Amino acid sequence: MWNTDKLYTECSRSSARCASYLAAVVDTANEAAVIATQKLVICLPPRAKVEKLRKVVLKELEVQPQARASSAASVALRALKRKWPCAKQ
């Protein structure tokens, strides 16, 4: 997770990290707007590791190459929701 010091440092350098972070912010905001009327959609197990999330999303992209035409956020959300759906609330 970035704090504002990291954001300032990376964006002051016009780095690719800054661009990636800001693109992720926009993707997240847009996806949140789409699912705003829903409750939790991804229920990760306790102590879930980021590496496991990475593998799940990578597998989705490999198995469904046509998904690459979609936004990264929507593909990641779809893969993670499929792997760790929440019980009906």
PDB file of N, CA and C in Angstrom:
ATOM      1  N   MET A   1       0.845  -1.173   0.000  1.00  0.00           N
ATOM      2  CA  MET A   1       0.000   0.000   0.000  1.00  0.00           C
ATOM      3  C   MET A   1       0.895   1.242   0.000  1.00  0.00           C
ATOM      4  N   TRP A   2       0.523   2.194  -0.810  1.00  0.00           N
ATOM      5  CA  TRP A   2       1.272   3.446  -0.867  1.00  0.00           C
ATOM      6  C   TRP A   2       0.714   4.433   0.142  1.00  0.00           C
ATOM      7  N   ASN A   3       1.633   5.217   0.727  1.00  0.00           N
ATOM      8  CA  ASN A   3       1.189   6.377   1.499  1.00  0.00           C
ATOM      9  C   ASN A   3       1.427   7.606   0.628  1.00  0.00           C
ATOM     10  N   THR A   4       1.057   8.775   1.125  1.00  0.00           N
ATOM     11  CA  THR A   4       1.179   9.977   0.291  1.00  0.00           C
ATOM     12  C   THR A   4       2.625  10.360   0.024  1.00  0.00           C
ATOM     13  N   ASP A   5       3.542   9.995   0.926  1.00  0.00           N
ATOM     14  CA  ASP A   5       4.961  10.264   0.656  1.00  0.00           C
ATOM     15  C   ASP A   5       5.425   9.480  -0.567  1.00  0.00           C
ATOM     16  N   LYS A   6       5.028   8.216  -0.641  1.00  0.00           N
ATOM     17  CA  LYS A   6       5.392   7.381  -1.790  1.00  0.00           C
ATOM     18  C   LYS A   6       4.754   7.937  -3.067  1.00  0.00           C
ATOM     19  N   LEU A   7       3.497   8.329  -2.967  1.00  0.00           N
ATOM     20  CA  LEU A   7       2.805   8.904  -4.120  1.00  0.00           C
ATOM     21  C   LEU A   7       3.539  10.145  -4.617  1.00  0.00           C
ATOM     22  N   TYR A   8       3.899  11.028  -3.705  1.00  0.00           N
ATOM     23  CA  TYR A   8       4.607  12.255  -4.080  1.00  0.00           C
ATOM     24  C   TYR A   8       5.957  11.931  -4.715  1.00  0.00           C
ATOM     25  N   THR A   9       6.696  11.009  -4.101  1.00  0.00           N
ATOM     26  CA  THR A   9       8.022  10.658  -4.612  1.00  0.00           C
ATOM     27  C   THR A   9       7.935  10.089  -6.024  1.00  0.00           C
ATOM     28  N   GLU A  10       7.053   9.128  -6.219  1.00  0.00           N
ATOM     29  CA  GLU A  10       6.954   8.490  -7.534  1.00  0.00           C
ATOM     30  C   GLU A  10       6.424   9.446  -8.597  1.00  0.00           C
ATOM     31  N   CYS A  11       5.436  10.254  -8.241  1.00  0.00           N
ATOM     32  CA  CYS A  11       4.861  11.169  -9.230  1.00  0.00           C
ATOM     33  C   CYS A  11       5.781  12.350  -9.522  1.00  0.00           C
ATOM     34  N   SER A  12       6.628  12.705  -8.573  1.00  0.00           N
ATOM     35  CA  SER A  12       7.617  13.763  -8.822  1.00  0.00           C
ATOM     36  C   SER A  12       8.627  13.328  -9.868  1.00  0.00           C
ATOM     37  N   ARG A  13       8.850  12.045  -9.973  1.00  0.00           N
ATOM     38  CA  ARG A  13       9.806  11.493 -10.935  1.00  0.00           C
ATOM     39  C   ARG A  13       9.162  11.198 -12.290  1.00  0.00           C
ATOM     40  N   SER A  14       7.882  11.402 -12.419  1.00  0.00           N
ATOM     41  CA  SER A  14       7.155  11.004 -13.638  1.00  0.00           C
ATOM     42  C   SER A  14       7.406   9.534 -13.945  1.00  0.00           C
ATOM     43  N   SER A  15       7.406   8.725 -12.907  1.00  0.00           N
ATOM     44  CA  SER A  15       7.746   7.314 -13.068  1.00  0.00           C
ATOM     45  C   SER A  15       6.581   6.496 -13.616  1.00  0.00           C
ATOM     46  N   ALA A  16       6.936   5.349 -14.168  1.00  0.00           N
ATOM     47  CA  ALA A  16       5.918   4.400 -14.626  1.00  0.00           C
ATOM     48  C   ALA A  16       5.113   3.895 -13.439  1.00  0.00           C
ATOM     49  N   ARG A  17       5.738   3.818 -12.284  1.00  0.00           N
ATOM     50  CA  ARG A  17       5.017   3.392 -11.082  1.00  0.00           C
ATOM     51  C   ARG A  17       3.891   4.357 -10.763  1.00  0.00           C
ATOM     52  N   CYS A  18       4.158   5.640 -10.900  1.00  0.00           N
ATOM     53  CA  CYS A  18       3.126   6.649 -10.656  1.00  0.00           C
ATOM     54  C   CYS A  18       1.979   6.455 -11.637  1.00  0.00           C
ATOM     55  N   ALA A  19       2.303   6.304 -12.896  1.00  0.00           N
ATOM     56  CA  ALA A  19       1.267   6.126 -13.914  1.00  0.00           C
ATOM     57  C   ALA A  19       0.446   4.874 -13.641  1.00  0.00           C
ATOM     58  N   SER A  20       1.113   3.795 -13.273  1.00  0.00           N
ATOM     59  CA  SER A  20       0.411   2.549 -12.966  1.00  0.00           C
ATOM     60  C   SER A  20      -0.488   2.706 -11.755  1.00  0.00           C
ATOM     61  N   TYR A  21       0.015   3.361 -10.738  1.00  0.00           N
ATOM     62  CA  TYR A  21      -0.783   3.572  -9.529  1.00  0.00           C
ATOM     63  C   TYR A  21      -2.030   4.389  -9.846  1.00  0.00           C
ATOM     64  N   LEU A  22      -1.865   5.469 -10.582  1.00  0.00           N
ATOM     65  CA  LEU A  22      -3.009   6.326 -10.897  1.00  0.00           C
ATOM     66  C   LEU A  22      -4.017   5.616 -11.795  1.00  0.00           C
ATOM     67  N   ALA A  23      -3.525   4.809 -12.722  1.00  0.00           N
ATOM     68  CA  ALA A  23      -4.437   4.021 -13.554  1.00  0.00           C
ATOM     69  C   ALA A  23      -5.228   3.046 -12.683  1.00  0.00           C
ATOM     70  N   ALA A  24      -4.562   2.466 -11.705  1.00  0.00           N
ATOM     71  CA  ALA A  24      -5.247   1.549 -10.786  1.00  0.00           C
ATOM     72  C   ALA A  24      -6.293   2.276  -9.954  1.00  0.00           C
ATOM     73  N   VAL A  25      -5.990   3.496  -9.550  1.00  0.00           N
ATOM     74  CA  VAL A  25      -6.965   4.289  -8.790  1.00  0.00           C
ATOM     75  C   VAL A  25      -8.222   4.509  -9.627  1.00  0.00           C
ATOM     76  N   VAL A  26      -8.030   4.883 -10.881  1.00  0.00           N
ATOM     77  CA  VAL A  26      -9.171   5.131 -11.766  1.00  0.00           C
ATOM     78  C   VAL A  26      -9.947   3.835 -12.010  1.00  0.00           C
ATOM     79  N   ASP A  27      -9.240   2.745 -12.319  1.00  0.00           N
ATOM     80  CA  ASP A  27      -9.904   1.458 -12.537  1.00  0.00           C
ATOM     81  C   ASP A  27     -10.716   1.052 -11.313  1.00  0.00           C
ATOM     82  N   THR A  28     -10.119   1.207 -10.147  1.00  0.00           N
ATOM     83  CA  THR A  28     -10.801   0.823  -8.913  1.00  0.00           C
ATOM     84  C   THR A  28     -12.045   1.665  -8.687  1.00  0.00           C
ATOM     85  N   ALA A  29     -11.931   2.953  -8.891  1.00  0.00           N
ATOM     86  CA  ALA A  29     -13.087   3.838  -8.702  1.00  0.00           C
ATOM     87  C   ALA A  29     -14.211   3.480  -9.664  1.00  0.00           C
ATOM     88  N   ASN A  30     -13.863   3.211 -10.913  1.00  0.00           N
ATOM     89  CA  ASN A  30     -14.879   2.854 -11.901  1.00  0.00           C
ATOM     90  C   ASN A  30     -15.542   1.522 -11.572  1.00  0.00           C
ATOM     91  N   GLU A  31     -14.751   0.540 -11.190  1.00  0.00           N
ATOM     92  CA  GLU A  31     -15.319  -0.759 -10.839  1.00  0.00           C
ATOM     93  C   GLU A  31     -16.161  -0.660  -9.574  1.00  0.00           C
ATOM     94  N   ALA A  32     -15.733   0.149  -8.619  1.00  0.00           N
ATOM     95  CA  ALA A  32     -16.508   0.339  -7.387  1.00  0.00           C
ATOM     96  C   ALA A  32     -17.869   0.944  -7.699  1.00  0.00           C
ATOM     97  N   ALA A  33     -17.905   1.846  -8.650  1.00  0.00           N
ATOM     98  CA  ALA A  33     -19.179   2.458  -9.030  1.00  0.00           C
ATOM     99  C   ALA A  33     -20.134   1.423  -9.610  1.00  0.00           C
ATOM    100  N   VAL A  34     -19.593   0.472 -10.356  1.00  0.00           N
ATOM    101  CA  VAL A  34     -20.417  -0.571 -10.964  1.00  0.00           C
ATOM    102  C   VAL A  34     -21.012  -1.494  -9.906  1.00  0.00           C
ATOM    103  N   ILE A  35     -20.232  -1.814  -8.892  1.00  0.00           N
ATOM    104  CA  ILE A  35     -20.691  -2.776  -7.889  1.00  0.00           C
ATOM    105  C   ILE A  35     -21.178  -2.114  -6.603  1.00  0.00           C
ATOM    106  N   ALA A  36     -21.392  -0.816  -6.638  1.00  0.00           N
ATOM    107  CA  ALA A  36     -21.743  -0.061  -5.430  1.00  0.00           C
ATOM    108  C   ALA A  36     -23.003  -0.570  -4.742  1.00  0.00           C
ATOM    109  N   THR A  37     -23.898  -1.149  -5.484  1.00  0.00           N
ATOM    110  CA  THR A  37     -25.144  -1.606  -4.872  1.00  0.00           C
ATOM    111  C   THR A  37     -25.030  -3.008  -4.287  1.00  0.00           C
ATOM    112  N   GLN A  38     -23.898  -3.640  -4.466  1.00  0.00           N
ATOM    113  CA  GLN A  38     -23.703  -4.992  -3.946  1.00  0.00           C
ATOM    114  C   GLN A  38     -22.965  -4.952  -2.616  1.00  0.00           C
ATOM    115  N   LYS A  39     -23.072  -6.037  -1.875  1.00  0.00           N
ATOM    116  CA  LYS A  39     -22.302  -6.178  -0.644  1.00  0.00           C
ATOM    117  C   LYS A  39     -20.944  -6.751  -1.030  1.00  0.00           C
ATOM    118  N   LEU A  40     -20.201  -7.260  -0.076  1.00  0.00           N
ATOM    119  CA  LEU A  40     -18.897  -7.843  -0.379  1.00  0.00           C
ATOM    120  C   LEU A  40     -19.015  -8.854  -1.510  1.00  0.00           C
ATOM    121  N   VAL A  41     -18.083  -8.817  -2.428  1.00  0.00           N
ATOM    122  CA  VAL A  41     -18.121  -9.742  -3.554  1.00  0.00           C
ATOM    123  C   VAL A  41     -16.959 -10.726  -3.544  1.00  0.00           C
ATOM    124  N   ILE A  42     -15.882 -10.389  -2.834  1.00  0.00           N
ATOM    125  CA  ILE A  42     -14.718 -11.265  -2.733  1.00  0.00           C
ATOM    126  C   ILE A  42     -14.456 -11.497  -1.254  1.00  0.00           C
ATOM    127  N   CYS A  43     -14.462 -12.749  -0.845  1.00  0.00           N
ATOM    128  CA  CYS A  43     -14.229 -13.093   0.562  1.00  0.00           C
ATOM    129  C   CYS A  43     -12.959 -13.932   0.653  1.00  0.00           C
ATOM    130  N   LEU A  44     -11.840 -13.248   0.814  1.00  0.00           N
ATOM    131  CA  LEU A  44     -10.552 -13.931   0.895  1.00  0.00           C
ATOM    132  C   LEU A  44     -10.462 -14.733   2.182  1.00  0.00           C
ATOM    133  N   PRO A  45      -9.751 -15.861   2.135  1.00  0.00           N
ATOM    134  CA  PRO A  45      -9.540 -16.621   3.359  1.00  0.00           C
ATOM    135  C   PRO A  45      -8.598 -15.850   4.286  1.00  0.00           C
ATOM    136  N   PRO A  46      -8.644 -16.160   5.577  1.00  0.00           N
ATOM    137  CA  PRO A  46      -7.723 -15.489   6.501  1.00  0.00           C
ATOM    138  C   PRO A  46      -6.275 -15.698   6.048  1.00  0.00           C
ATOM    139  N   ARG A  47      -5.493 -14.690   6.205  1.00  0.00           N
ATOM    140  CA  ARG A  47      -4.059 -14.725   5.866  1.00  0.00           C
ATOM    141  C   ARG A  47      -3.788 -15.036   4.396  1.00  0.00           C
ATOM    142  N   ALA A  48      -4.672 -14.605   3.534  1.00  0.00           N
ATOM    143  CA  ALA A  48      -4.451 -14.791   2.095  1.00  0.00           C
ATOM    144  C   ALA A  48      -3.204 -14.019   1.676  1.00  0.00           C
ATOM    145  N   LYS A  49      -2.411 -14.612   0.841  1.00  0.00           N
ATOM    146  CA  LYS A  49      -1.171 -13.996   0.365  1.00  0.00           C
ATOM    147  C   LYS A  49      -1.398 -13.364  -1.007  1.00  0.00           C
ATOM    148  N   VAL A  50      -0.760 -12.235  -1.220  1.00  0.00           N
ATOM    149  CA  VAL A  50      -0.872 -11.540  -2.503  1.00  0.00           C
ATOM    150  C   VAL A  50      -0.394 -12.437  -3.640  1.00  0.00           C
ATOM    151  N   GLU A  51       0.603 -13.265  -3.384  1.00  0.00           N
ATOM    152  CA  GLU A  51       1.115 -14.167  -4.417  1.00  0.00           C
ATOM    153  C   GLU A  51       0.019 -15.108  -4.923  1.00  0.00           C
ATOM    154  N   LYS A  52      -0.844 -15.574  -4.048  1.00  0.00           N
ATOM    155  CA  LYS A  52      -1.948 -16.445  -4.461  1.00  0.00           C
ATOM    156  C   LYS A  52      -2.925 -15.680  -5.347  1.00  0.00           C
ATOM    157  N   LEU A  53      -3.207 -14.427  -4.984  1.00  0.00           N
ATOM    158  CA  LEU A  53      -4.085 -13.602  -5.812  1.00  0.00           C
ATOM    159  C   LEU A  53      -3.482 -13.435  -7.200  1.00  0.00           C
ATOM    160  N   ARG A  54      -2.178 -13.177  -7.240  1.00  0.00           N
ATOM    161  CA  ARG A  54      -1.474 -12.997  -8.512  1.00  0.00           C
ATOM    162  C   ARG A  54      -1.633 -14.234  -9.388  1.00  0.00           C
ATOM    163  N   LYS A  55      -1.465 -15.412  -8.792  1.00  0.00           N
ATOM    164  CA  LYS A  55      -1.571 -16.654  -9.557  1.00  0.00           C
ATOM    165  C   LYS A  55      -2.985 -16.874 -10.091  1.00  0.00           C
ATOM    166  N   VAL A  56      -3.980 -16.546  -9.291  1.00  0.00           N
ATOM    167  CA  VAL A  56      -5.374 -16.704  -9.720  1.00  0.00           C
ATOM    168  C   VAL A  56      -5.668 -15.806 -10.920  1.00  0.00           C
ATOM    169  N   VAL A  57      -5.229 -14.556 -10.849  1.00  0.00           N
ATOM    170  CA  VAL A  57      -5.487 -13.609 -11.941  1.00  0.00           C
ATOM    171  C   VAL A  57      -4.681 -13.993 -13.182  1.00  0.00           C
ATOM    172  N   LEU A  58      -3.444 -14.395 -12.997  1.00  0.00           N
ATOM    173  CA  LEU A  58      -2.616 -14.810 -14.128  1.00  0.00           C
ATOM    174  C   LEU A  58      -3.239 -16.008 -14.844  1.00  0.00           C
ATOM    175  N   LYS A  59      -3.754 -16.963 -14.077  1.00  0.00           N
ATOM    176  CA  LYS A  59      -4.405 -18.131 -14.685  1.00  0.00           C
ATOM    177  C   LYS A  59      -5.621 -17.705 -15.505  1.00  0.00           C
ATOM    178  N   GLU A  60      -6.398 -16.781 -14.985  1.00  0.00           N
ATOM    179  CA  GLU A  60      -7.570 -16.270 -15.721  1.00  0.00           C
ATOM    180  C   GLU A  60      -7.137 -15.692 -17.068  1.00  0.00           C
ATOM    181  N   LEU A  61      -6.064 -14.925 -17.070  1.00  0.00           N
ATOM    182  CA  LEU A  61      -5.580 -14.307 -18.303  1.00  0.00           C
ATOM    183  C   LEU A  61      -5.034 -15.340 -19.284  1.00  0.00           C
ATOM    184  N   GLU A  62      -4.452 -16.410 -18.756  1.00  0.00           N
ATOM    185  CA  GLU A  62      -3.912 -17.454 -19.625  1.00  0.00           C
ATOM    186  C   GLU A  62      -5.015 -18.339 -20.197  1.00  0.00           C
ATOM    187  N   VAL A  63      -6.011 -18.654 -19.383  1.00  0.00           N
ATOM    188  CA  VAL A  63      -7.099 -19.535 -19.807  1.00  0.00           C
ATOM    189  C   VAL A  63      -8.093 -18.799 -20.702  1.00  0.00           C
ATOM    190  N   GLN A  64      -8.255 -17.509 -20.466  1.00  0.00           N
ATOM    191  CA  GLN A  64      -9.223 -16.705 -21.224  1.00  0.00           C
ATOM    192  C   GLN A  64      -8.509 -15.518 -21.876  1.00  0.00           C
ATOM    193  N   PRO A  65      -7.686 -15.758 -22.897  1.00  0.00           N
ATOM    194  CA  PRO A  65      -6.923 -14.658 -23.496  1.00  0.00           C
ATOM    195  C   PRO A  65      -7.796 -13.537 -24.055  1.00  0.00           C
ATOM    196  N   GLN A  66      -9.031 -13.845 -24.433  1.00  0.00           N
ATOM    197  CA  GLN A  66      -9.923 -12.799 -24.931  1.00  0.00           C
ATOM    198  C   GLN A  66     -10.256 -11.791 -23.836  1.00  0.00           C
ATOM    199  N   ALA A  67     -10.067 -12.167 -22.593  1.00  0.00           N
ATOM    200  CA  ALA A  67     -10.338 -11.256 -21.477  1.00  0.00           C
ATOM    201  C   ALA A  67      -9.387 -10.065 -21.479  1.00  0.00           C
ATOM    202  N   ARG A  68      -8.284 -10.187 -22.189  1.00  0.00           N
ATOM    203  CA  ARG A  68      -7.311  -9.089 -22.216  1.00  0.00           C
ATOM    204  C   ARG A  68      -7.851  -7.836 -22.883  1.00  0.00           C
ATOM    205  N   ALA A  69      -8.960  -7.956 -23.580  1.00  0.00           N
ATOM    206  CA  ALA A  69      -9.584  -6.776 -24.185  1.00  0.00           C
ATOM    207  C   ALA A  69     -10.375  -5.974 -23.152  1.00  0.00           C
ATOM    208  N   SER A  70     -10.636  -6.581 -21.993  1.00  0.00           N
ATOM    209  CA  SER A  70     -11.374  -5.909 -20.917  1.00  0.00           C
ATOM    210  C   SER A  70     -10.410  -5.112 -20.052  1.00  0.00           C
ATOM    211  N   SER A  71     -10.967  -4.326 -19.140  1.00  0.00           N
ATOM    212  CA  SER A  71     -10.094  -3.597 -18.219  1.00  0.00           C
ATOM    213  C   SER A  71      -9.439  -4.583 -17.259  1.00  0.00           C
ATOM    214  N   ALA A  72      -8.235  -4.264 -16.836  1.00  0.00           N
ATOM    215  CA  ALA A  72      -7.510  -5.128 -15.906  1.00  0.00           C
ATOM    216  C   ALA A  72      -8.295  -5.323 -14.620  1.00  0.00           C
ATOM    217  N   ALA A  73      -8.891  -4.256 -14.134  1.00  0.00           N
ATOM    218  CA  ALA A  73      -9.640  -4.342 -12.878  1.00  0.00           C
ATOM    219  C   ALA A  73     -10.809  -5.308 -13.001  1.00  0.00           C
ATOM    220  N   SER A  74     -11.534  -5.262 -14.117  1.00  0.00           N
ATOM    221  CA  SER A  74     -12.693  -6.151 -14.260  1.00  0.00           C
ATOM    222  C   SER A  74     -12.268  -7.608 -14.376  1.00  0.00           C
ATOM    223  N   VAL A  75     -11.170  -7.871 -15.062  1.00  0.00           N
ATOM    224  CA  VAL A  75     -10.674  -9.242 -15.183  1.00  0.00           C
ATOM    225  C   VAL A  75     -10.211  -9.749 -13.821  1.00  0.00           C
ATOM    226  N   ALA A  76      -9.463  -8.924 -13.110  1.00  0.00           N
ATOM    227  CA  ALA A  76      -8.984  -9.323 -11.784  1.00  0.00           C
ATOM    228  C   ALA A  76     -10.157  -9.573 -10.843  1.00  0.00           C
ATOM    229  N   LEU A  77     -11.129  -8.676 -10.842  1.00  0.00           N
ATOM    230  CA  LEU A  77     -12.300  -8.860  -9.980  1.00  0.00           C
ATOM    231  C   LEU A  77     -13.054 -10.135 -10.330  1.00  0.00           C
ATOM    232  N   ARG A  78     -13.247 -10.385 -11.604  1.00  0.00           N
ATOM    233  CA  ARG A  78     -13.975 -11.583 -12.028  1.00  0.00           C
ATOM    234  C   ARG A  78     -13.245 -12.850 -11.568  1.00  0.00           C
ATOM    235  N   ALA A  79     -11.937 -12.888 -11.758  1.00  0.00           N
ATOM    236  CA  ALA A  79     -11.160 -14.067 -11.359  1.00  0.00           C
ATOM    237  C   ALA A  79     -11.200 -14.271  -9.847  1.00  0.00           C
ATOM    238  N   LEU A  80     -11.045 -13.187  -9.107  1.00  0.00           N
ATOM    239  CA  LEU A  80     -11.026 -13.294  -7.649  1.00  0.00           C
ATOM    240  C   LEU A  80     -12.406 -13.635  -7.097  1.00  0.00           C
ATOM    241  N   LYS A  81     -13.453 -13.078  -7.696  1.00  0.00           N
ATOM    242  CA  LYS A  81     -14.823 -13.413  -7.264  1.00  0.00           C
ATOM    243  C   LYS A  81     -15.128 -14.882  -7.539  1.00  0.00           C
ATOM    244  N   ARG A  82     -14.654 -15.380  -8.651  1.00  0.00           N
ATOM    245  CA  ARG A  82     -14.887 -16.783  -8.999  1.00  0.00           C
ATOM    246  C   ARG A  82     -14.164 -17.704  -8.009  1.00  0.00           C
ATOM    247  N   LYS A  83     -12.947 -17.343  -7.640  1.00  0.00           N
ATOM    248  CA  LYS A  83     -12.149 -18.176  -6.732  1.00  0.00           C
ATOM    249  C   LYS A  83     -12.656 -18.093  -5.292  1.00  0.00           C
ATOM    250  N   TRP A  84     -13.000 -16.880  -4.844  1.00  0.00           N
ATOM    251  CA  TRP A  84     -13.403 -16.681  -3.453  1.00  0.00           C
ATOM    252  C   TRP A  84     -14.721 -15.915  -3.361  1.00  0.00           C
ATOM    253  N   PRO A  85     -15.816 -16.532  -3.802  1.00  0.00           N
ATOM    254  CA  PRO A  85     -17.103 -15.834  -3.711  1.00  0.00           C
ATOM    255  C   PRO A  85     -17.548 -15.738  -2.250  1.00  0.00           C
ATOM    256  N   CYS A  86     -18.338 -14.739  -1.964  1.00  0.00           N
ATOM    257  CA  CYS A  86     -18.914 -14.598  -0.626  1.00  0.00           C
ATOM    258  C   CYS A  86     -20.235 -15.360  -0.585  1.00  0.00           C
ATOM    259  N   ALA A  87     -20.554 -15.854   0.592  1.00  0.00           N
ATOM    260  CA  ALA A  87     -21.857 -16.501   0.770  1.00  0.00           C
ATOM    261  C   ALA A  87     -22.933 -15.449   0.553  1.00  0.00           C
ATOM    262  N   LYS A  88     -24.108 -15.882   0.155  1.00  0.00           N
ATOM    263  CA  LYS A  88     -25.220 -14.937  -0.032  1.00  0.00           C
ATOM    264  C   LYS A  88     -25.423 -14.152   1.247  1.00  0.00           C
ATOM    265  N   GLN A  89     -25.559 -12.844   1.105  1.00  0.00           N
ATOM    266  CA  GLN A  89     -25.704 -11.976   2.286  1.00  0.00           C
ATOM    267  C   GLN A  89     -27.108 -11.468   2.404  1.00  0.00           C
TER     268      GLN A  89
END
